[in-house]
Amino acid sequence: MKKKIGGSLTIEAAIIVPIILWVFAVIIMLLIYYHDKNVVTAVAYETAVVGCKAEEVKLEDVEVYFQKRISGKLLLFSSVKMEAKI
């Protein structure tokens, strides 16, 4: 006796698998976004502390310190601009 194999499983998989992969990709992108956000926040805080503790701090030095600390650590953001004020 031959069993008839229906195509409903293939159709269901063709709909479900892309949705699951899309959800997985969105979760990964959100994790990368929050990683970059936390890195920028931490470096900004660290730069503010360094800028407040040093005597006769130049704004250019603070901006260079920030760029040095942030370089190579971001995954999603291409560039972060920083403006220091006293």
PDB file of N, CA and C in Angstrom:
ATOM      1  N   MET A   1       0.819  -1.162   0.000  1.00  0.00           N
ATOM      2  CA  MET A   1       0.000   0.000   0.000  1.00  0.00           C
ATOM      3  C   MET A   1       0.877   1.245   0.000  1.00  0.00           C
ATOM      4  N   LYS A   2       0.639   2.108  -0.930  1.00  0.00           N
ATOM      5  CA  LYS A   2       1.411   3.346  -1.027  1.00  0.00           C
ATOM      6  C   LYS A   2       0.751   4.443  -0.199  1.00  0.00           C
ATOM      7  N   LYS A   3       1.605   5.210   0.467  1.00  0.00           N
ATOM      8  CA  LYS A   3       1.087   6.354   1.217  1.00  0.00           C
ATOM      9  C   LYS A   3       1.171   7.588   0.329  1.00  0.00           C
ATOM     10  N   LYS A   4       0.177   8.397   0.408  1.00  0.00           N
ATOM     11  CA  LYS A   4       0.200   9.656  -0.332  1.00  0.00           C
ATOM     12  C   LYS A   4       0.854  10.719   0.543  1.00  0.00           C
ATOM     13  N   ILE A   5       1.848  11.359  -0.007  1.00  0.00           N
ATOM     14  CA  ILE A   5       2.546  12.416   0.704  1.00  0.00           C
ATOM     15  C   ILE A   5       1.991  13.744   0.217  1.00  0.00           C
ATOM     16  N   GLY A   6       1.441  14.491   1.128  1.00  0.00           N
ATOM     17  CA  GLY A   6       0.870  15.785   0.764  1.00  0.00           C
ATOM     18  C   GLY A   6       1.939  16.871   0.765  1.00  0.00           C
ATOM     19  N   GLY A   7       1.640  17.932   0.102  1.00  0.00           N
ATOM     20  CA  GLY A   7       2.576  19.056   0.022  1.00  0.00           C
ATOM     21  C   GLY A   7       2.311  20.134   1.054  1.00  0.00           C
ATOM     22  N   SER A   8       1.397  19.881   1.973  1.00  0.00           N
ATOM     23  CA  SER A   8       1.052  20.915   2.951  1.00  0.00           C
ATOM     24  C   SER A   8       2.213  21.221   3.891  1.00  0.00           C
ATOM     25  N   LEU A   9       3.008  20.227   4.240  1.00  0.00           N
ATOM     26  CA  LEU A   9       4.153  20.469   5.115  1.00  0.00           C
ATOM     27  C   LEU A   9       5.172  21.380   4.440  1.00  0.00           C
ATOM     28  N   THR A  10       5.388  21.210   3.173  1.00  0.00           N
ATOM     29  CA  THR A  10       6.320  22.060   2.422  1.00  0.00           C
ATOM     30  C   THR A  10       5.819  23.493   2.367  1.00  0.00           C
ATOM     31  N   ILE A  11       4.540  23.668   2.123  1.00  0.00           N
ATOM     32  CA  ILE A  11       3.963  25.011   2.070  1.00  0.00           C
ATOM     33  C   ILE A  11       4.045  25.681   3.437  1.00  0.00           C
ATOM     34  N   GLU A  12       3.748  24.958   4.490  1.00  0.00           N
ATOM     35  CA  GLU A  12       3.822  25.523   5.835  1.00  0.00           C
ATOM     36  C   GLU A  12       5.253  25.899   6.189  1.00  0.00           C
ATOM     37  N   ALA A  13       6.186  25.055   5.842  1.00  0.00           N
ATOM     38  CA  ALA A  13       7.595  25.349   6.121  1.00  0.00           C
ATOM     39  C   ALA A  13       8.077  26.553   5.317  1.00  0.00           C
ATOM     40  N   ALA A  14       7.572  26.689   4.104  1.00  0.00           N
ATOM     41  CA  ALA A  14       7.970  27.827   3.272  1.00  0.00           C
ATOM     42  C   ALA A  14       7.468  29.145   3.847  1.00  0.00           C
ATOM     43  N   ILE A  15       6.446  29.099   4.660  1.00  0.00           N
ATOM     44  CA  ILE A  15       5.921  30.317   5.297  1.00  0.00           C
ATOM     45  C   ILE A  15       6.553  30.529   6.671  1.00  0.00           C
ATOM     46  N   ILE A  16       6.700  29.480   7.440  1.00  0.00           N
ATOM     47  CA  ILE A  16       7.168  29.587   8.824  1.00  0.00           C
ATOM     48  C   ILE A  16       8.667  29.852   8.921  1.00  0.00           C
ATOM     49  N   VAL A  17       9.466  29.178   8.140  1.00  0.00           N
ATOM     50  CA  VAL A  17      10.928  29.311   8.244  1.00  0.00           C
ATOM     51  C   VAL A  17      11.405  30.739   7.985  1.00  0.00           C
ATOM     52  N   PRO A  18      10.954  31.434   6.950  1.00  0.00           N
ATOM     53  CA  PRO A  18      11.391  32.829   6.779  1.00  0.00           C
ATOM     54  C   PRO A  18      10.973  33.744   7.928  1.00  0.00           C
ATOM     55  N   ILE A  19       9.791  33.485   8.485  1.00  0.00           N
ATOM     56  CA  ILE A  19       9.351  34.296   9.627  1.00  0.00           C
ATOM     57  C   ILE A  19      10.264  34.065  10.827  1.00  0.00           C
ATOM     58  N   ILE A  20      10.614  32.817  11.086  1.00  0.00           N
ATOM     59  CA  ILE A  20      11.509  32.507  12.209  1.00  0.00           C
ATOM     60  C   ILE A  20      12.892  33.122  11.980  1.00  0.00           C
ATOM     61  N   LEU A  21      13.401  33.024  10.773  1.00  0.00           N
ATOM     62  CA  LEU A  21      14.712  33.620  10.470  1.00  0.00           C
ATOM     63  C   LEU A  21      14.674  35.137  10.598  1.00  0.00           C
ATOM     64  N   TRP A  22      13.576  35.773  10.175  1.00  0.00           N
ATOM     65  CA  TRP A  22      13.447  37.219  10.285  1.00  0.00           C
ATOM     66  C   TRP A  22      13.426  37.642  11.751  1.00  0.00           C
ATOM     67  N   VAL A  23      12.677  36.927  12.582  1.00  0.00           N
ATOM     68  CA  VAL A  23      12.620  37.238  14.015  1.00  0.00           C
ATOM     69  C   VAL A  23      14.007  37.072  14.635  1.00  0.00           C
ATOM     70  N   PHE A  24      14.711  36.027  14.270  1.00  0.00           N
ATOM     71  CA  PHE A  24      16.068  35.810  14.774  1.00  0.00           C
ATOM     72  C   PHE A  24      16.996  36.959  14.366  1.00  0.00           C
ATOM     73  N   ALA A  25      16.908  37.406  13.115  1.00  0.00           N
ATOM     74  CA  ALA A  25      17.746  38.516  12.635  1.00  0.00           C
ATOM     75  C   ALA A  25      17.417  39.816  13.358  1.00  0.00           C
ATOM     76  N   VAL A  26      16.149  40.062  13.618  1.00  0.00           N
ATOM     77  CA  VAL A  26      15.749  41.275  14.344  1.00  0.00           C
ATOM     78  C   VAL A  26      16.277  41.243  15.773  1.00  0.00           C
ATOM     79  N   ILE A  27      16.216  40.098  16.399  1.00  0.00           N
ATOM     80  CA  ILE A  27      16.745  39.980  17.765  1.00  0.00           C
ATOM     81  C   ILE A  27      18.248  40.245  17.782  1.00  0.00           C
ATOM     82  N   ILE A  28      18.966  39.704  16.829  1.00  0.00           N
ATOM     83  CA  ILE A  28      20.420  39.933  16.748  1.00  0.00           C
ATOM     84  C   ILE A  28      20.715  41.420  16.537  1.00  0.00           C
ATOM     85  N   MET A  29      19.968  42.068  15.637  1.00  0.00           N
ATOM     86  CA  MET A  29      20.189  43.502  15.389  1.00  0.00           C
ATOM     87  C   MET A  29      19.888  44.339  16.636  1.00  0.00           C
ATOM     88  N   LEU A  30      18.845  43.977  17.374  1.00  0.00           N
ATOM     89  CA  LEU A  30      18.546  44.698  18.611  1.00  0.00           C
ATOM     90  C   LEU A  30      19.648  44.512  19.652  1.00  0.00           C
ATOM     91  N   LEU A  31      20.184  43.310  19.750  1.00  0.00           N
ATOM     92  CA  LEU A  31      21.293  43.075  20.679  1.00  0.00           C
ATOM     93  C   LEU A  31      22.518  43.892  20.299  1.00  0.00           C
ATOM     94  N   ILE A  32      22.817  43.974  19.017  1.00  0.00           N
ATOM     95  CA  ILE A  32      23.958  44.770  18.560  1.00  0.00           C
ATOM     96  C   ILE A  32      23.715  46.251  18.833  1.00  0.00           C
ATOM     97  N   TYR A  33      22.483  46.714  18.599  1.00  0.00           N
ATOM     98  CA  TYR A  33      22.142  48.115  18.856  1.00  0.00           C
ATOM     99  C   TYR A  33      22.339  48.457  20.331  1.00  0.00           C
ATOM    100  N   TYR A  34      21.817  47.616  21.223  1.00  0.00           N
ATOM    101  CA  TYR A  34      21.961  47.897  22.647  1.00  0.00           C
ATOM    102  C   TYR A  34      23.412  47.763  23.109  1.00  0.00           C
ATOM    103  N   HIS A  35      24.180  46.899  22.485  1.00  0.00           N
ATOM    104  CA  HIS A  35      25.613  46.817  22.794  1.00  0.00           C
ATOM    105  C   HIS A  35      26.285  48.147  22.475  1.00  0.00           C
ATOM    106  N   ASP A  36      26.046  48.657  21.262  1.00  0.00           N
ATOM    107  CA  ASP A  36      26.666  49.917  20.859  1.00  0.00           C
ATOM    108  C   ASP A  36      26.193  51.074  21.733  1.00  0.00           C
ATOM    109  N   LYS A  37      24.921  51.083  22.066  1.00  0.00           N
ATOM    110  CA  LYS A  37      24.378  52.146  22.924  1.00  0.00           C
ATOM    111  C   LYS A  37      25.049  52.131  24.286  1.00  0.00           C
ATOM    112  N   ASN A  38      25.235  50.950  24.860  1.00  0.00           N
ATOM    113  CA  ASN A  38      25.880  50.848  26.167  1.00  0.00           C
ATOM    114  C   ASN A  38      27.353  51.228  26.100  1.00  0.00           C
ATOM    115  N   VAL A  39      28.029  50.876  25.011  1.00  0.00           N
ATOM    116  CA  VAL A  39      29.436  51.258  24.868  1.00  0.00           C
ATOM    117  C   VAL A  39      29.565  52.777  24.787  1.00  0.00           C
ATOM    118  N   VAL A  40      28.725  53.424  23.989  1.00  0.00           N
ATOM    119  CA  VAL A  40      28.784  54.883  23.844  1.00  0.00           C
ATOM    120  C   VAL A  40      28.471  55.555  25.179  1.00  0.00           C
ATOM    121  N   THR A  41      27.472  55.057  25.899  1.00  0.00           N
ATOM    122  CA  THR A  41      27.127  55.638  27.197  1.00  0.00           C
ATOM    123  C   THR A  41      28.270  55.493  28.193  1.00  0.00           C
ATOM    124  N   ALA A  42      28.886  54.332  28.247  1.00  0.00           N
ATOM    125  CA  ALA A  42      29.978  54.097  29.186  1.00  0.00           C
ATOM    126  C   ALA A  42      31.193  54.962  28.857  1.00  0.00           C
ATOM    127  N   VAL A  43      31.525  55.067  27.583  1.00  0.00           N
ATOM    128  CA  VAL A  43      32.681  55.878  27.195  1.00  0.00           C
ATOM    129  C   VAL A  43      32.393  57.356  27.429  1.00  0.00           C
ATOM    130  N   ALA A  44      31.165  57.797  27.191  1.00  0.00           N
ATOM    131  CA  ALA A  44      30.818  59.196  27.457  1.00  0.00           C
ATOM    132  C   ALA A  44      30.935  59.509  28.945  1.00  0.00           C
ATOM    133  N   TYR A  45      30.463  58.594  29.789  1.00  0.00           N
ATOM    134  CA  TYR A  45      30.588  58.779  31.230  1.00  0.00           C
ATOM    135  C   TYR A  45      32.055  58.806  31.655  1.00  0.00           C
ATOM    136  N   GLU A  46      32.829  57.877  31.136  1.00  0.00           N
ATOM    137  CA  GLU A  46      34.254  57.823  31.468  1.00  0.00           C
ATOM    138  C   GLU A  46      34.973  59.094  31.018  1.00  0.00           C
ATOM    139  N   THR A  47      34.627  59.584  29.838  1.00  0.00           N
ATOM    140  CA  THR A  47      35.237  60.812  29.327  1.00  0.00           C
ATOM    141  C   THR A  47      34.865  61.997  30.202  1.00  0.00           C
ATOM    142  N   ALA A  48      33.625  62.063  30.666  1.00  0.00           N
ATOM    143  CA  ALA A  48      33.202  63.146  31.550  1.00  0.00           C
ATOM    144  C   ALA A  48      33.964  63.112  32.867  1.00  0.00           C
ATOM    145  N   VAL A  49      34.179  61.918  33.402  1.00  0.00           N
ATOM    146  CA  VAL A  49      34.926  61.785  34.660  1.00  0.00           C
ATOM    147  C   VAL A  49      36.375  62.215  34.471  1.00  0.00           C
ATOM    148  N   VAL A  50      36.978  61.774  33.377  1.00  0.00           N
ATOM    149  CA  VAL A  50      38.367  62.160  33.097  1.00  0.00           C
ATOM    150  C   VAL A  50      38.468  63.664  32.881  1.00  0.00           C
ATOM    151  N   GLY A  51      37.500  64.238  32.177  1.00  0.00           N
ATOM    152  CA  GLY A  51      37.502  65.681  31.920  1.00  0.00           C
ATOM    153  C   GLY A  51      37.307  66.491  33.180  1.00  0.00           C
ATOM    154  N   CYS A  52      36.549  65.986  34.130  1.00  0.00           N
ATOM    155  CA  CYS A  52      36.298  66.712  35.375  1.00  0.00           C
ATOM    156  C   CYS A  52      37.466  66.618  36.353  1.00  0.00           C
ATOM    157  N   LYS A  53      38.184  65.513  36.323  1.00  0.00           N
ATOM    158  CA  LYS A  53      39.254  65.310  37.296  1.00  0.00           C
ATOM    159  C   LYS A  53      40.554  66.008  36.910  1.00  0.00           C
ATOM    160  N   ALA A  54      40.793  66.120  35.648  1.00  0.00           N
ATOM    161  CA  ALA A  54      42.067  66.712  35.212  1.00  0.00           C
ATOM    162  C   ALA A  54      42.005  68.231  35.330  1.00  0.00           C
ATOM    163  N   GLU A  55      43.112  68.805  35.707  1.00  0.00           N
ATOM    164  CA  GLU A  55      43.192  70.264  35.797  1.00  0.00           C
ATOM    165  C   GLU A  55      43.636  70.819  34.456  1.00  0.00           C
ATOM    166  N   GLU A  56      43.068  71.951  34.101  1.00  0.00           N
ATOM    167  CA  GLU A  56      43.368  72.628  32.832  1.00  0.00           C
ATOM    168  C   GLU A  56      43.194  71.687  31.643  1.00  0.00           C
ATOM    169  N   VAL A  57      42.036  71.129  31.528  1.00  0.00           N
ATOM    170  CA  VAL A  57      41.732  70.203  30.443  1.00  0.00           C
ATOM    171  C   VAL A  57      41.341  70.999  29.211  1.00  0.00           C
ATOM    172  N   LYS A  58      41.906  70.614  28.089  1.00  0.00           N
ATOM    173  CA  LYS A  58      41.527  71.241  26.824  1.00  0.00           C
ATOM    174  C   LYS A  58      40.396  70.424  26.212  1.00  0.00           C
ATOM    175  N   LEU A  59      39.466  71.110  25.566  1.00  0.00           N
ATOM    176  CA  LEU A  59      38.340  70.423  24.946  1.00  0.00           C
ATOM    177  C   LEU A  59      38.803  69.458  23.866  1.00  0.00           C
ATOM    178  N   GLU A  60      39.843  69.844  23.148  1.00  0.00           N
ATOM    179  CA  GLU A  60      40.357  68.968  22.088  1.00  0.00           C
ATOM    180  C   GLU A  60      40.872  67.657  22.668  1.00  0.00           C
ATOM    181  N   ASP A  61      41.521  67.734  23.835  1.00  0.00           N
ATOM    182  CA  ASP A  61      42.040  66.520  24.467  1.00  0.00           C
ATOM    183  C   ASP A  61      40.910  65.589  24.894  1.00  0.00           C
ATOM    184  N   VAL A  62      39.823  66.162  25.389  1.00  0.00           N
ATOM    185  CA  VAL A  62      38.681  65.359  25.813  1.00  0.00           C
ATOM    186  C   VAL A  62      38.041  64.686  24.598  1.00  0.00           C
ATOM    187  N   GLU A  63      37.886  65.426  23.515  1.00  0.00           N
ATOM    188  CA  GLU A  63      37.306  64.855  22.303  1.00  0.00           C
ATOM    189  C   GLU A  63      38.189  63.758  21.717  1.00  0.00           C
ATOM    190  N   VAL A  64      39.502  63.964  21.745  1.00  0.00           N
ATOM    191  CA  VAL A  64      40.435  62.942  21.255  1.00  0.00           C
ATOM    192  C   VAL A  64      40.371  61.706  22.152  1.00  0.00           C
ATOM    193  N   TYR A  65      40.287  61.912  23.461  1.00  0.00           N
ATOM    194  CA  TYR A  65      40.184  60.784  24.397  1.00  0.00           C
ATOM    195  C   TYR A  65      38.929  59.966  24.098  1.00  0.00           C
ATOM    196  N   PHE A  66      37.816  60.653  23.876  1.00  0.00           N
ATOM    197  CA  PHE A  66      36.554  59.969  23.570  1.00  0.00           C
ATOM    198  C   PHE A  66      36.677  59.156  22.289  1.00  0.00           C
ATOM    199  N   GLN A  67      37.220  59.749  21.232  1.00  0.00           N
ATOM    200  CA  GLN A  67      37.352  59.045  19.951  1.00  0.00           C
ATOM    201  C   GLN A  67      38.290  57.847  20.068  1.00  0.00           C
ATOM    202  N   LYS A  68      39.359  58.016  20.866  1.00  0.00           N
ATOM    203  CA  LYS A  68      40.304  56.914  21.061  1.00  0.00           C
ATOM    204  C   LYS A  68      39.653  55.740  21.782  1.00  0.00           C
ATOM    205  N   ARG A  69      38.873  56.049  22.817  1.00  0.00           N
ATOM    206  CA  ARG A  69      38.235  54.998  23.607  1.00  0.00           C
ATOM    207  C   ARG A  69      37.120  54.286  22.842  1.00  0.00           C
ATOM    208  N   ILE A  70      36.494  54.981  21.885  1.00  0.00           N
ATOM    209  CA  ILE A  70      35.346  54.397  21.175  1.00  0.00           C
ATOM    210  C   ILE A  70      35.767  53.661  19.902  1.00  0.00           C
ATOM    211  N   SER A  71      36.956  53.938  19.426  1.00  0.00           N
ATOM    212  CA  SER A  71      37.367  53.354  18.147  1.00  0.00           C
ATOM    213  C   SER A  71      37.512  51.835  18.247  1.00  0.00           C
ATOM    214  N   GLY A  72      36.927  51.151  17.273  1.00  0.00           N
ATOM    215  CA  GLY A  72      37.024  49.705  17.193  1.00  0.00           C
ATOM    216  C   GLY A  72      36.070  48.937  18.087  1.00  0.00           C
ATOM    217  N   LYS A  73      35.207  49.626  18.825  1.00  0.00           N
ATOM    218  CA  LYS A  73      34.318  48.935  19.748  1.00  0.00           C
ATOM    219  C   LYS A  73      32.875  48.871  19.271  1.00  0.00           C
ATOM    220  N   LEU A  74      32.540  49.648  18.262  1.00  0.00           N
ATOM    221  CA  LEU A  74      31.153  49.690  17.808  1.00  0.00           C
ATOM    222  C   LEU A  74      30.929  48.718  16.663  1.00  0.00           C
ATOM    223  N   LEU A  75      29.788  48.074  16.672  1.00  0.00           N
ATOM    224  CA  LEU A  75      29.460  47.099  15.644  1.00  0.00           C
ATOM    225  C   LEU A  75      28.474  47.644  14.613  1.00  0.00           C
ATOM    226  N   LEU A  76      27.541  48.470  15.043  1.00  0.00           N
ATOM    227  CA  LEU A  76      26.474  48.936  14.171  1.00  0.00           C
ATOM    228  C   LEU A  76      26.658  50.389  13.763  1.00  0.00           C
ATOM    229  N   PHE A  77      26.986  51.240  14.708  1.00  0.00           N
ATOM    230  CA  PHE A  77      27.144  52.662  14.412  1.00  0.00           C
ATOM    231  C   PHE A  77      28.443  52.877  13.657  1.00  0.00           C
ATOM    232  N   SER A  78      28.378  53.637  12.578  1.00  0.00           N
ATOM    233  CA  SER A  78      29.588  53.870  11.792  1.00  0.00           C
ATOM    234  C   SER A  78      30.458  54.949  12.410  1.00  0.00           C
ATOM    235  N   SER A  79      29.836  55.987  12.934  1.00  0.00           N
ATOM    236  CA  SER A  79      30.604  57.047  13.578  1.00  0.00           C
ATOM    237  C   SER A  79      29.754  57.713  14.658  1.00  0.00           C
ATOM    238  N   VAL A  80      30.429  58.193  15.671  1.00  0.00           N
ATOM    239  CA  VAL A  80      29.757  58.894  16.764  1.00  0.00           C
ATOM    240  C   VAL A  80      30.430  60.246  16.893  1.00  0.00           C
ATOM    241  N   LYS A  81      29.630  61.295  16.867  1.00  0.00           N
ATOM    242  CA  LYS A  81      30.172  62.646  17.003  1.00  0.00           C
ATOM    243  C   LYS A  81      29.994  63.093  18.441  1.00  0.00           C
ATOM    244  N   MET A  82      30.996  63.789  18.945  1.00  0.00           N
ATOM    245  CA  MET A  82      30.978  64.232  20.319  1.00  0.00           C
ATOM    246  C   MET A  82      31.374  65.692  20.383  1.00  0.00           C
ATOM    247  N   GLU A  83      30.680  66.447  21.222  1.00  0.00           N
ATOM    248  CA  GLU A  83      31.011  67.847  21.411  1.00  0.00           C
ATOM    249  C   GLU A  83      31.168  68.082  22.909  1.00  0.00           C
ATOM    250  N   ALA A  84      32.311  68.602  23.315  1.00  0.00           N
ATOM    251  CA  ALA A  84      32.571  68.829  24.736  1.00  0.00           C
ATOM    252  C   ALA A  84      32.375  70.312  25.066  1.00  0.00           C
ATOM    253  N   LYS A  85      31.753  70.533  26.226  1.00  0.00           N
ATOM    254  CA  LYS A  85      31.540  71.894  26.720  1.00  0.00           C
ATOM    255  C   LYS A  85      31.962  71.945  28.174  1.00  0.00           C
ATOM    256  N   ILE A  86      32.474  73.101  28.569  1.00  0.00           N
ATOM    257  CA  ILE A  86      32.845  73.289  29.984  1.00  0.00           C
ATOM    258  C   ILE A  86      31.890  74.290  30.587  1.00  0.00           C
TER     259      ILE A  86
END
